C-alpha atoms as a PDB file:
ATOM      1  CA  MET A   1     130.722 106.885  81.802  1.00  0.00           C
ATOM      2  CA  GLU A   2     130.097 103.640  79.919  1.00  0.00           C
ATOM      3  CA  PRO A   3     126.379 102.745  79.612  1.00  0.00           C
ATOM      4  CA  VAL A   4     125.068 100.212  82.122  1.00  0.00           C
ATOM      5  CA  VAL A   5     123.401  97.186  80.510  1.00  0.00           C
ATOM      6  CA  ILE A   6     120.083  96.316  82.164  1.00  0.00           C
ATOM      7  CA  GLN A   7     117.116  94.056  81.627  1.00  0.00           C
ATOM      8  CA  SER A   8     114.117  96.015  80.371  1.00  0.00           C
ATOM      9  CA  PRO A   9     111.806  97.118  83.205  1.00  0.00           C
ATOM     10  CA  VAL A  10     108.782  96.487  80.935  1.00  0.00           C
ATOM     11  CA  LYS A  11     107.671  93.901  78.388  1.00  0.00           C
ATOM     12  CA  GLY A  12     105.835  94.273  75.082  1.00  0.00           C
ATOM     13  CA  SER A  13     105.727  97.132  72.549  1.00  0.00           C
ATOM     14  CA  TRP A  14     106.964 100.524  73.753  1.00  0.00           C
ATOM     15  CA  SER A  15     108.369 103.893  72.768  1.00  0.00           C
ATOM     16  CA  PHE A  16     110.410 106.551  74.574  1.00  0.00           C
ATOM     17  CA  MET A  17     108.186 109.642  74.539  1.00  0.00           C
ATOM     18  CA  ASN A  18     110.380 112.156  76.334  1.00  0.00           C
ATOM     19  CA  PRO A  19     109.014 115.711  76.809  1.00  0.00           C
ATOM     20  CA  PRO A  20     111.003 118.921  76.185  1.00  0.00           C
ATOM     21  CA  GLY A  21     113.673 119.512  78.795  1.00  0.00           C
ATOM     22  CA  HIS A  22     113.800 115.862  79.753  1.00  0.00           C
ATOM     23  CA  HIS A  23     117.323 114.595  80.517  1.00  0.00           C
ATOM     24  CA  PRO A  24     118.468 112.407  77.579  1.00  0.00           C
ATOM     25  CA  ASP A  25     119.596 109.580  79.882  1.00  0.00           C
ATOM     26  CA  ALA A  26     116.246 109.413  81.715  1.00  0.00           C
ATOM     27  CA  LYS A  27     113.519 107.682  79.721  1.00  0.00           C
ATOM     28  CA  ASP A  28     109.725 107.714  79.745  1.00  0.00           C
ATOM     29  CA  PHE A  29     108.498 104.275  78.657  1.00  0.00           C
ATOM     30  CA  VAL A  30     105.068 104.498  76.956  1.00  0.00           C
ATOM     31  CA  ALA A  31     103.265 101.371  75.729  1.00  0.00           C
ATOM     32  CA  VAL A  32     102.196 101.633  72.064  1.00  0.00           C
ATOM     33  CA  ASP A  33     100.338  99.693  69.377  1.00  0.00           C
ATOM     34  CA  ARG A  34     101.800  98.544  66.051  1.00  0.00           C
ATOM     35  CA  LYS A  35     101.363 102.089  64.702  1.00  0.00           C
ATOM     36  CA  GLY A  36     103.416 103.512  67.558  1.00  0.00           C
ATOM     37  CA  LEU A  37     100.420 105.168  69.234  1.00  0.00           C
ATOM     38  CA  PRO A  38      99.714 105.141  73.002  1.00  0.00           C
ATOM     39  CA  TYR A  39      95.941 104.836  72.426  1.00  0.00           C
ATOM     40  CA  SER A  40      93.407 104.741  69.581  1.00  0.00           C
ATOM     41  CA  PHE A  41      92.695 107.721  67.305  1.00  0.00           C
ATOM     42  CA  LEU A  42      89.326 108.300  69.001  1.00  0.00           C
ATOM     43  CA  ASN A  43      91.060 108.435  72.354  1.00  0.00           C
ATOM     44  CA  LEU A  44      93.564 110.931  70.916  1.00  0.00           C
ATOM     45  CA  VAL A  45      90.627 113.244  70.153  1.00  0.00           C
ATOM     46  CA  LEU A  46      89.295 112.790  73.690  1.00  0.00           C
ATOM     47  CA  HIS A  47      92.743 113.455  75.146  1.00  0.00           C
ATOM     48  CA  ILE A  48      93.084 116.755  73.270  1.00  0.00           C
ATOM     49  CA  PHE A  49      89.561 118.156  73.350  1.00  0.00           C
ATOM     50  CA  TYR A  50      87.838 116.573  76.345  1.00  0.00           C
ATOM     51  CA  ARG A  51      88.839 113.966  78.918  1.00  0.00           C
ATOM     52  CA  LEU A  52      90.467 110.570  78.516  1.00  0.00           C
ATOM     53  CA  LYS A  53      90.275 107.818  81.124  1.00  0.00           C
ATOM     54  CA  VAL A  54      93.624 106.309  82.048  1.00  0.00           C
ATOM     55  CA  GLU A  55      92.320 102.779  81.399  1.00  0.00           C
ATOM     56  CA  ASN A  56      91.976 103.716  77.715  1.00  0.00           C
ATOM     57  CA  THR A  57      95.750 104.081  77.343  1.00  0.00           C
ATOM     58  CA  PHE A  58      97.955 101.084  76.601  1.00  0.00           C
ATOM     59  CA  SER A  59     100.381 101.844  79.451  1.00  0.00           C
ATOM     60  CA  TRP A  60      97.894 101.768  82.306  1.00  0.00           C
ATOM     61  CA  GLU A  61      98.540  98.853  84.709  1.00  0.00           C
ATOM     62  CA  LYS A  62     101.349  97.383  82.588  1.00  0.00           C
ATOM     63  CA  GLU A  63     103.696  95.228  84.644  1.00  0.00           C
ATOM     64  CA  VAL A  64     107.011  96.687  85.824  1.00  0.00           C
ATOM     65  CA  PHE A  65     110.079  94.536  86.500  1.00  0.00           C
ATOM     66  CA  SER A  66     113.388  94.942  88.306  1.00  0.00           C
ATOM     67  CA  PRO A  67     116.154  95.934  85.844  1.00  0.00           C
ATOM     68  CA  PHE A  68     118.863  94.058  87.756  1.00  0.00           C
ATOM     69  CA  ASN A  69     119.696  92.073  90.885  1.00  0.00           C
ATOM     70  CA  GLY A  70     119.741  94.369  93.878  1.00  0.00           C
ATOM     71  CA  THR A  71     118.139  95.675  97.044  1.00  0.00           C
ATOM     72  CA  VAL A  72     115.091  97.923  97.350  1.00  0.00           C
ATOM     73  CA  VAL A  73     116.227 101.034  99.220  1.00  0.00           C
ATOM     74  CA  GLU A  74     113.175 103.295  98.940  1.00  0.00           C
ATOM     75  CA  VAL A  75     109.456 102.870  98.214  1.00  0.00           C
ATOM     76  CA  SER A  76     106.538 105.305  97.930  1.00  0.00           C
ATOM     77  CA  ASN A  77     103.171 103.622  97.342  1.00  0.00           C
ATOM     78  CA  ASN A  78     100.365 105.917  98.552  1.00  0.00           C
ATOM     79  CA  MET A  79     100.073 108.753  96.016  1.00  0.00           C
ATOM     80  CA  ASN A  80      96.762 108.925  94.176  1.00  0.00           C
ATOM     81  CA  ASP A  81      96.638 108.371  90.413  1.00  0.00           C
ATOM     82  CA  ARG A  82      95.003 111.019  88.249  1.00  0.00           C
ATOM     83  CA  ASN A  83      92.307 109.032  86.446  1.00  0.00           C
ATOM     84  CA  SER A  84      91.247 111.659  83.911  1.00  0.00           C
ATOM     85  CA  LEU A  85      93.581 113.111  81.269  1.00  0.00           C
ATOM     86  CA  ASN A  86      93.410 116.356  79.302  1.00  0.00           C
ATOM     87  CA  LEU A  87      96.469 117.142  77.201  1.00  0.00           C
ATOM     88  CA  PHE A  88      96.428 120.956  77.432  1.00  0.00           C
ATOM     89  CA  ARG A  89      95.655 121.024  81.157  1.00  0.00           C
ATOM     90  CA  ASP A  90      98.360 118.495  81.927  1.00  0.00           C
ATOM     91  CA  LEU A  91     100.932 120.207  79.698  1.00  0.00           C
ATOM     92  CA  ILE A  92     100.372 123.488  81.533  1.00  0.00           C
ATOM     93  CA  LYS A  93     100.664 121.694  84.847  1.00  0.00           C
ATOM     94  CA  GLY A  94     103.807 119.811  83.853  1.00  0.00           C
ATOM     95  CA  LEU A  95     105.735 122.428  81.898  1.00  0.00           C
ATOM     96  CA  VAL A  96     104.580 125.696  83.482  1.00  0.00           C
ATOM     97  CA  LEU A  97     103.329 125.111  87.019  1.00  0.00           C
ATOM     98  CA  ALA A  98     105.565 122.210  88.094  1.00  0.00           C
ATOM     99  CA  PRO A  99     108.863 124.166  87.752  1.00  0.00           C
ATOM    100  CA  ARG A 100     107.435 126.693  90.217  1.00  0.00           C
ATOM    101  CA  ASN A 101     107.053 123.955  92.840  1.00  0.00           C
ATOM    102  CA  LYS A 102     110.742 123.214  93.384  1.00  0.00           C
ATOM    103  CA  ASN A 103     110.240 123.111  97.151  1.00  0.00           C
ATOM    104  CA  LYS A 104     107.567 120.410  96.945  1.00  0.00           C
ATOM    105  CA  GLU A 105     108.342 116.905  98.185  1.00  0.00           C
ATOM    106  CA  ILE A 106     109.799 114.568  95.558  1.00  0.00           C
ATOM    107  CA  GLY A 107     106.517 112.634  95.475  1.00  0.00           C
ATOM    108  CA  PHE A 108     104.836 115.668  93.909  1.00  0.00           C
ATOM    109  CA  PHE A 109     106.915 115.005  90.800  1.00  0.00           C
ATOM    110  CA  LEU A 110     107.540 111.238  90.906  1.00  0.00           C
ATOM    111  CA  GLY A 111     104.266 109.989  92.370  1.00  0.00           C
ATOM    112  CA  ASN A 112     104.674 106.423  93.570  1.00  0.00           C
ATOM    113  CA  TYR A 113     108.179 105.127  92.981  1.00  0.00           C
ATOM    114  CA  ILE A 114     110.793 102.488  93.748  1.00  0.00           C
ATOM    115  CA  ILE A 115     114.563 102.912  94.051  1.00  0.00           C
ATOM    116  CA  ILE A 116     116.716  99.785  93.738  1.00  0.00           C
ATOM    117  CA  GLU A 117     120.462  99.582  94.366  1.00  0.00           C
ATOM    118  CA  SER A 118     122.370  97.070  92.244  1.00  0.00           C
ATOM    119  CA  VAL A 119     125.175  94.895  93.594  1.00  0.00           C
ATOM    120  CA  GLU A 120     127.572  97.277  91.764  1.00  0.00           C
ATOM    121  CA  GLY A 121     126.201 100.299  93.617  1.00  0.00           C
ATOM    122  CA  ILE A 122     124.062 101.767  90.799  1.00  0.00           C
ATOM    123  CA  PHE A 123     120.600 103.087  91.714  1.00  0.00           C
ATOM    124  CA  ALA A 124     117.526 102.606  89.501  1.00  0.00           C
ATOM    125  CA  LEU A 125     114.528 104.923  89.857  1.00  0.00           C
ATOM    126  CA  LEU A 126     111.137 103.691  88.586  1.00  0.00           C
ATOM    127  CA  ALA A 127     108.404 106.308  88.956  1.00  0.00           C
ATOM    128  CA  HIS A 128     104.725 107.200  88.269  1.00  0.00           C
ATOM    129  CA  LEU A 129     103.631 103.768  89.487  1.00  0.00           C
ATOM    130  CA  LYS A 130     100.026 102.874  90.252  1.00  0.00           C
ATOM    131  CA  LYS A 131      98.912 103.486  93.821  1.00  0.00           C
ATOM    132  CA  GLU A 132      99.264 100.387  96.029  1.00  0.00           C
ATOM    133  CA  SER A 133     100.563  98.287  93.113  1.00  0.00           C
ATOM    134  CA  ILE A 134     104.116  98.017  94.478  1.00  0.00           C
ATOM    135  CA  LEU A 135     104.929  94.432  95.494  1.00  0.00           C
ATOM    136  CA  VAL A 136     108.293  94.983  97.216  1.00  0.00           C
ATOM    137  CA  LYS A 137     109.415  96.571 100.474  1.00  0.00           C
ATOM    138  CA  GLU A 138     112.446  98.564 101.557  1.00  0.00           C
ATOM    139  CA  GLY A 139     115.342  96.268 102.383  1.00  0.00           C
ATOM    140  CA  GLN A 140     114.024  93.443 100.177  1.00  0.00           C
ATOM    141  CA  ASN A 141     116.384  91.728  97.723  1.00  0.00           C
ATOM    142  CA  VAL A 142     115.078  91.452  94.152  1.00  0.00           C
ATOM    143  CA  GLU A 143     116.250  89.587  91.076  1.00  0.00           C
ATOM    144  CA  SER A 144     116.563  90.886  87.534  1.00  0.00           C
ATOM    145  CA  GLY A 145     113.199  90.486  85.802  1.00  0.00           C
ATOM    146  CA  GLU A 146     111.208  90.139  89.034  1.00  0.00           C
ATOM    147  CA  LEU A 147     107.719  91.676  88.948  1.00  0.00           C
ATOM    148  CA  ILE A 148     107.693  94.690  91.291  1.00  0.00           C
ATOM    149  CA  ALA A 149     104.767  97.010  90.374  1.00  0.00           C
ATOM    150  CA  GLN A 150     102.371  98.346  87.727  1.00  0.00           C
ATOM    151  CA  VAL A 151     102.489 101.490  85.586  1.00  0.00           C
ATOM    152  CA  GLY A 152     100.214 104.212  86.929  1.00  0.00           C
ATOM    153  CA  ASN A 153      99.549 107.914  86.534  1.00  0.00           C
ATOM    154  CA  SER A 154     100.762 109.353  89.830  1.00  0.00           C
ATOM    155  CA  GLY A 155     102.890 112.471  90.176  1.00  0.00           C
ATOM    156  CA  ASN A 156     103.647 114.997  87.434  1.00  0.00           C
ATOM    157  CA  THR A 157     102.474 113.238  84.259  1.00  0.00           C
ATOM    158  CA  ILE A 158     100.769 113.881  80.927  1.00  0.00           C
ATOM    159  CA  GLN A 159      99.641 110.265  80.558  1.00  0.00           C
ATOM    160  CA  PRO A 160     100.405 106.892  82.179  1.00  0.00           C
ATOM    161  CA  HIS A 161     104.035 105.910  81.649  1.00  0.00           C
ATOM    162  CA  LEU A 162     107.087 104.570  83.442  1.00  0.00           C
ATOM    163  CA  HIS A 163     109.804 107.084  84.205  1.00  0.00           C
ATOM    164  CA  PHE A 164     113.127 105.242  84.444  1.00  0.00           C
ATOM    165  CA  GLN A 165     116.649 106.420  85.176  1.00  0.00           C
ATOM    166  CA  LEU A 166     119.920 105.174  86.631  1.00  0.00           C
ATOM    167  CA  MET A 167     121.953 107.175  89.177  1.00  0.00           C
ATOM    168  CA  VAL A 168     125.276 106.853  90.993  1.00  0.00           C
ATOM    169  CA  GLU A 169     123.672 108.025  94.252  1.00  0.00           C
ATOM    170  CA  ASN A 170     120.274 107.767  95.865  1.00  0.00           C
ATOM    171  CA  ASN A 171     119.144 111.332  95.259  1.00  0.00           C
ATOM    172  CA  PRO A 172     116.582 111.713  92.416  1.00  0.00           C
ATOM    173  CA  SER A 173     116.294 115.489  92.821  1.00  0.00           C
ATOM    174  CA  LYS A 174     120.041 116.134  92.431  1.00  0.00           C
ATOM    175  CA  SER A 175     121.728 113.058  90.936  1.00  0.00           C
ATOM    176  CA  ILE A 176     122.350 113.316  87.168  1.00  0.00           C
ATOM    177  CA  PRO A 177     120.974 110.313  85.230  1.00  0.00           C
ATOM    178  CA  ILE A 178     123.605 108.047  83.686  1.00  0.00           C
ATOM    179  CA  PRO A 179     123.339 106.218  80.333  1.00  0.00           C
ATOM    180  CA  PHE A 180     122.021 102.682  80.023  1.00  0.00           C
ATOM    181  CA  LEU A 181     121.383 100.045  77.347  1.00  0.00           C
ATOM    182  CA  LEU A 182     118.723  97.331  77.171  1.00  0.00           C
ATOM    183  CA  GLU A 183     120.285  93.889  77.099  1.00  0.00           C
ATOM    184  CA  SER A 184     117.760  92.805  74.469  1.00  0.00           C
ATOM    185  CA  CYS A 185     115.382  94.829  72.297  1.00  0.00           C
ATOM    186  CA  GLN A 186     113.877  94.498  68.832  1.00  0.00           C
ATOM    187  CA  ARG A 187     113.937  97.560  66.587  1.00  0.00           C
ATOM    188  CA  ASN A 188     112.576  97.881  63.048  1.00  0.00           C
ATOM    189  CA  LYS A 189     112.005  94.109  62.738  1.00  0.00           C
ATOM    190  CA  GLU A 190     115.679  93.433  63.416  1.00  0.00           C
ATOM    191  CA  GLU A 191     116.856  90.597  65.623  1.00  0.00           C
ATOM    192  CA  ASN A 192     117.084  91.228  69.351  1.00  0.00           C
ATOM    193  CA  LEU A 193     120.181  93.308  70.049  1.00  0.00           C
ATOM    194  CA  VAL A 194     121.808  95.107  72.947  1.00  0.00           C
ATOM    195  CA  GLY A 195     121.071  98.799  72.504  1.00  0.00           C
ATOM    196  CA  LEU A 196     118.778 101.727  73.152  1.00  0.00           C
ATOM    197  CA  PRO A 197     116.072 102.882  70.721  1.00  0.00           C
ATOM    198  CA  ASN A 198     115.748 106.514  69.710  1.00  0.00           C
ATOM    199  CA  ASN A 199     113.013 108.700  71.181  1.00  0.00           C
ATOM    200  CA  TYR A 200     109.602 108.053  69.542  1.00  0.00           C
ATOM    201  CA  GLU A 201     110.901 104.886  67.873  1.00  0.00           C
ATOM    202  CA  SER A 202     108.749 101.804  68.521  1.00  0.00           C
ATOM    203  CA  PHE A 203     110.517  98.737  69.893  1.00  0.00           C
ATOM    204  CA  LYS A 204     109.729  95.386  71.488  1.00  0.00           C
ATOM    205  CA  VAL A 205     111.251  93.954  74.657  1.00  0.00           C
END
C-alpha cells in the first residue's frame, strides 16, 4: 500500500523512539532537545536509578493535532497518567508483564486515546494522551492541524510520548498499521521535505 501523506500530529523537535517488537509503521513520537535527548542528563540518571517526574520530560503536555480532515469516531479520556517513571520497572511492565495481559481492555495498553476517520476512510490512532486533555468528542468533525489533546503518560508506557498509527479499519487490537509520510519535516538541517525520518533520528515539524 502506498504511504498516506499526513500533517504531523505534533510540532517542534522530535524523534521516533520505537521499542523492540514495535510495528515499523506505528510510531512513538518523543520530544527531544538539540542533542536528541528526551530529558537532561541528570534526569536520565534519575530515570535509570531512582524516579523521574513526568513533567521533567520534554514530551509531557505537548500539544497534539489532527493529522487530517475527518471525524472523531472514538475517544477515551479518563485513564490516569503514571506521574513517576523508573526505566527498569517500566521496561519489565511493558515488555514482560503486558504481553501476559492480552485479555485486558484496550485502554490498558493505549491509555487515553483518539481515533479519527479521514474523508478517504483511513483511521488514525493517537494514544497515551494526558487524562482529561482531549478537546474533541465522538462524532465531531476536525480539520487537519486542529488542536485535539496533549501528550500524557497513560497506558503501557516507558515515558511520555505520542503513539501514532494509521489503520484501514477501526480496530487497534487487530488492524495492521499502514505506512505514512509527513507532508513536511526537517531532517539534518535540510529544507522541509515530504518524508519520514528514521527511528532515533531527530527532526523538526
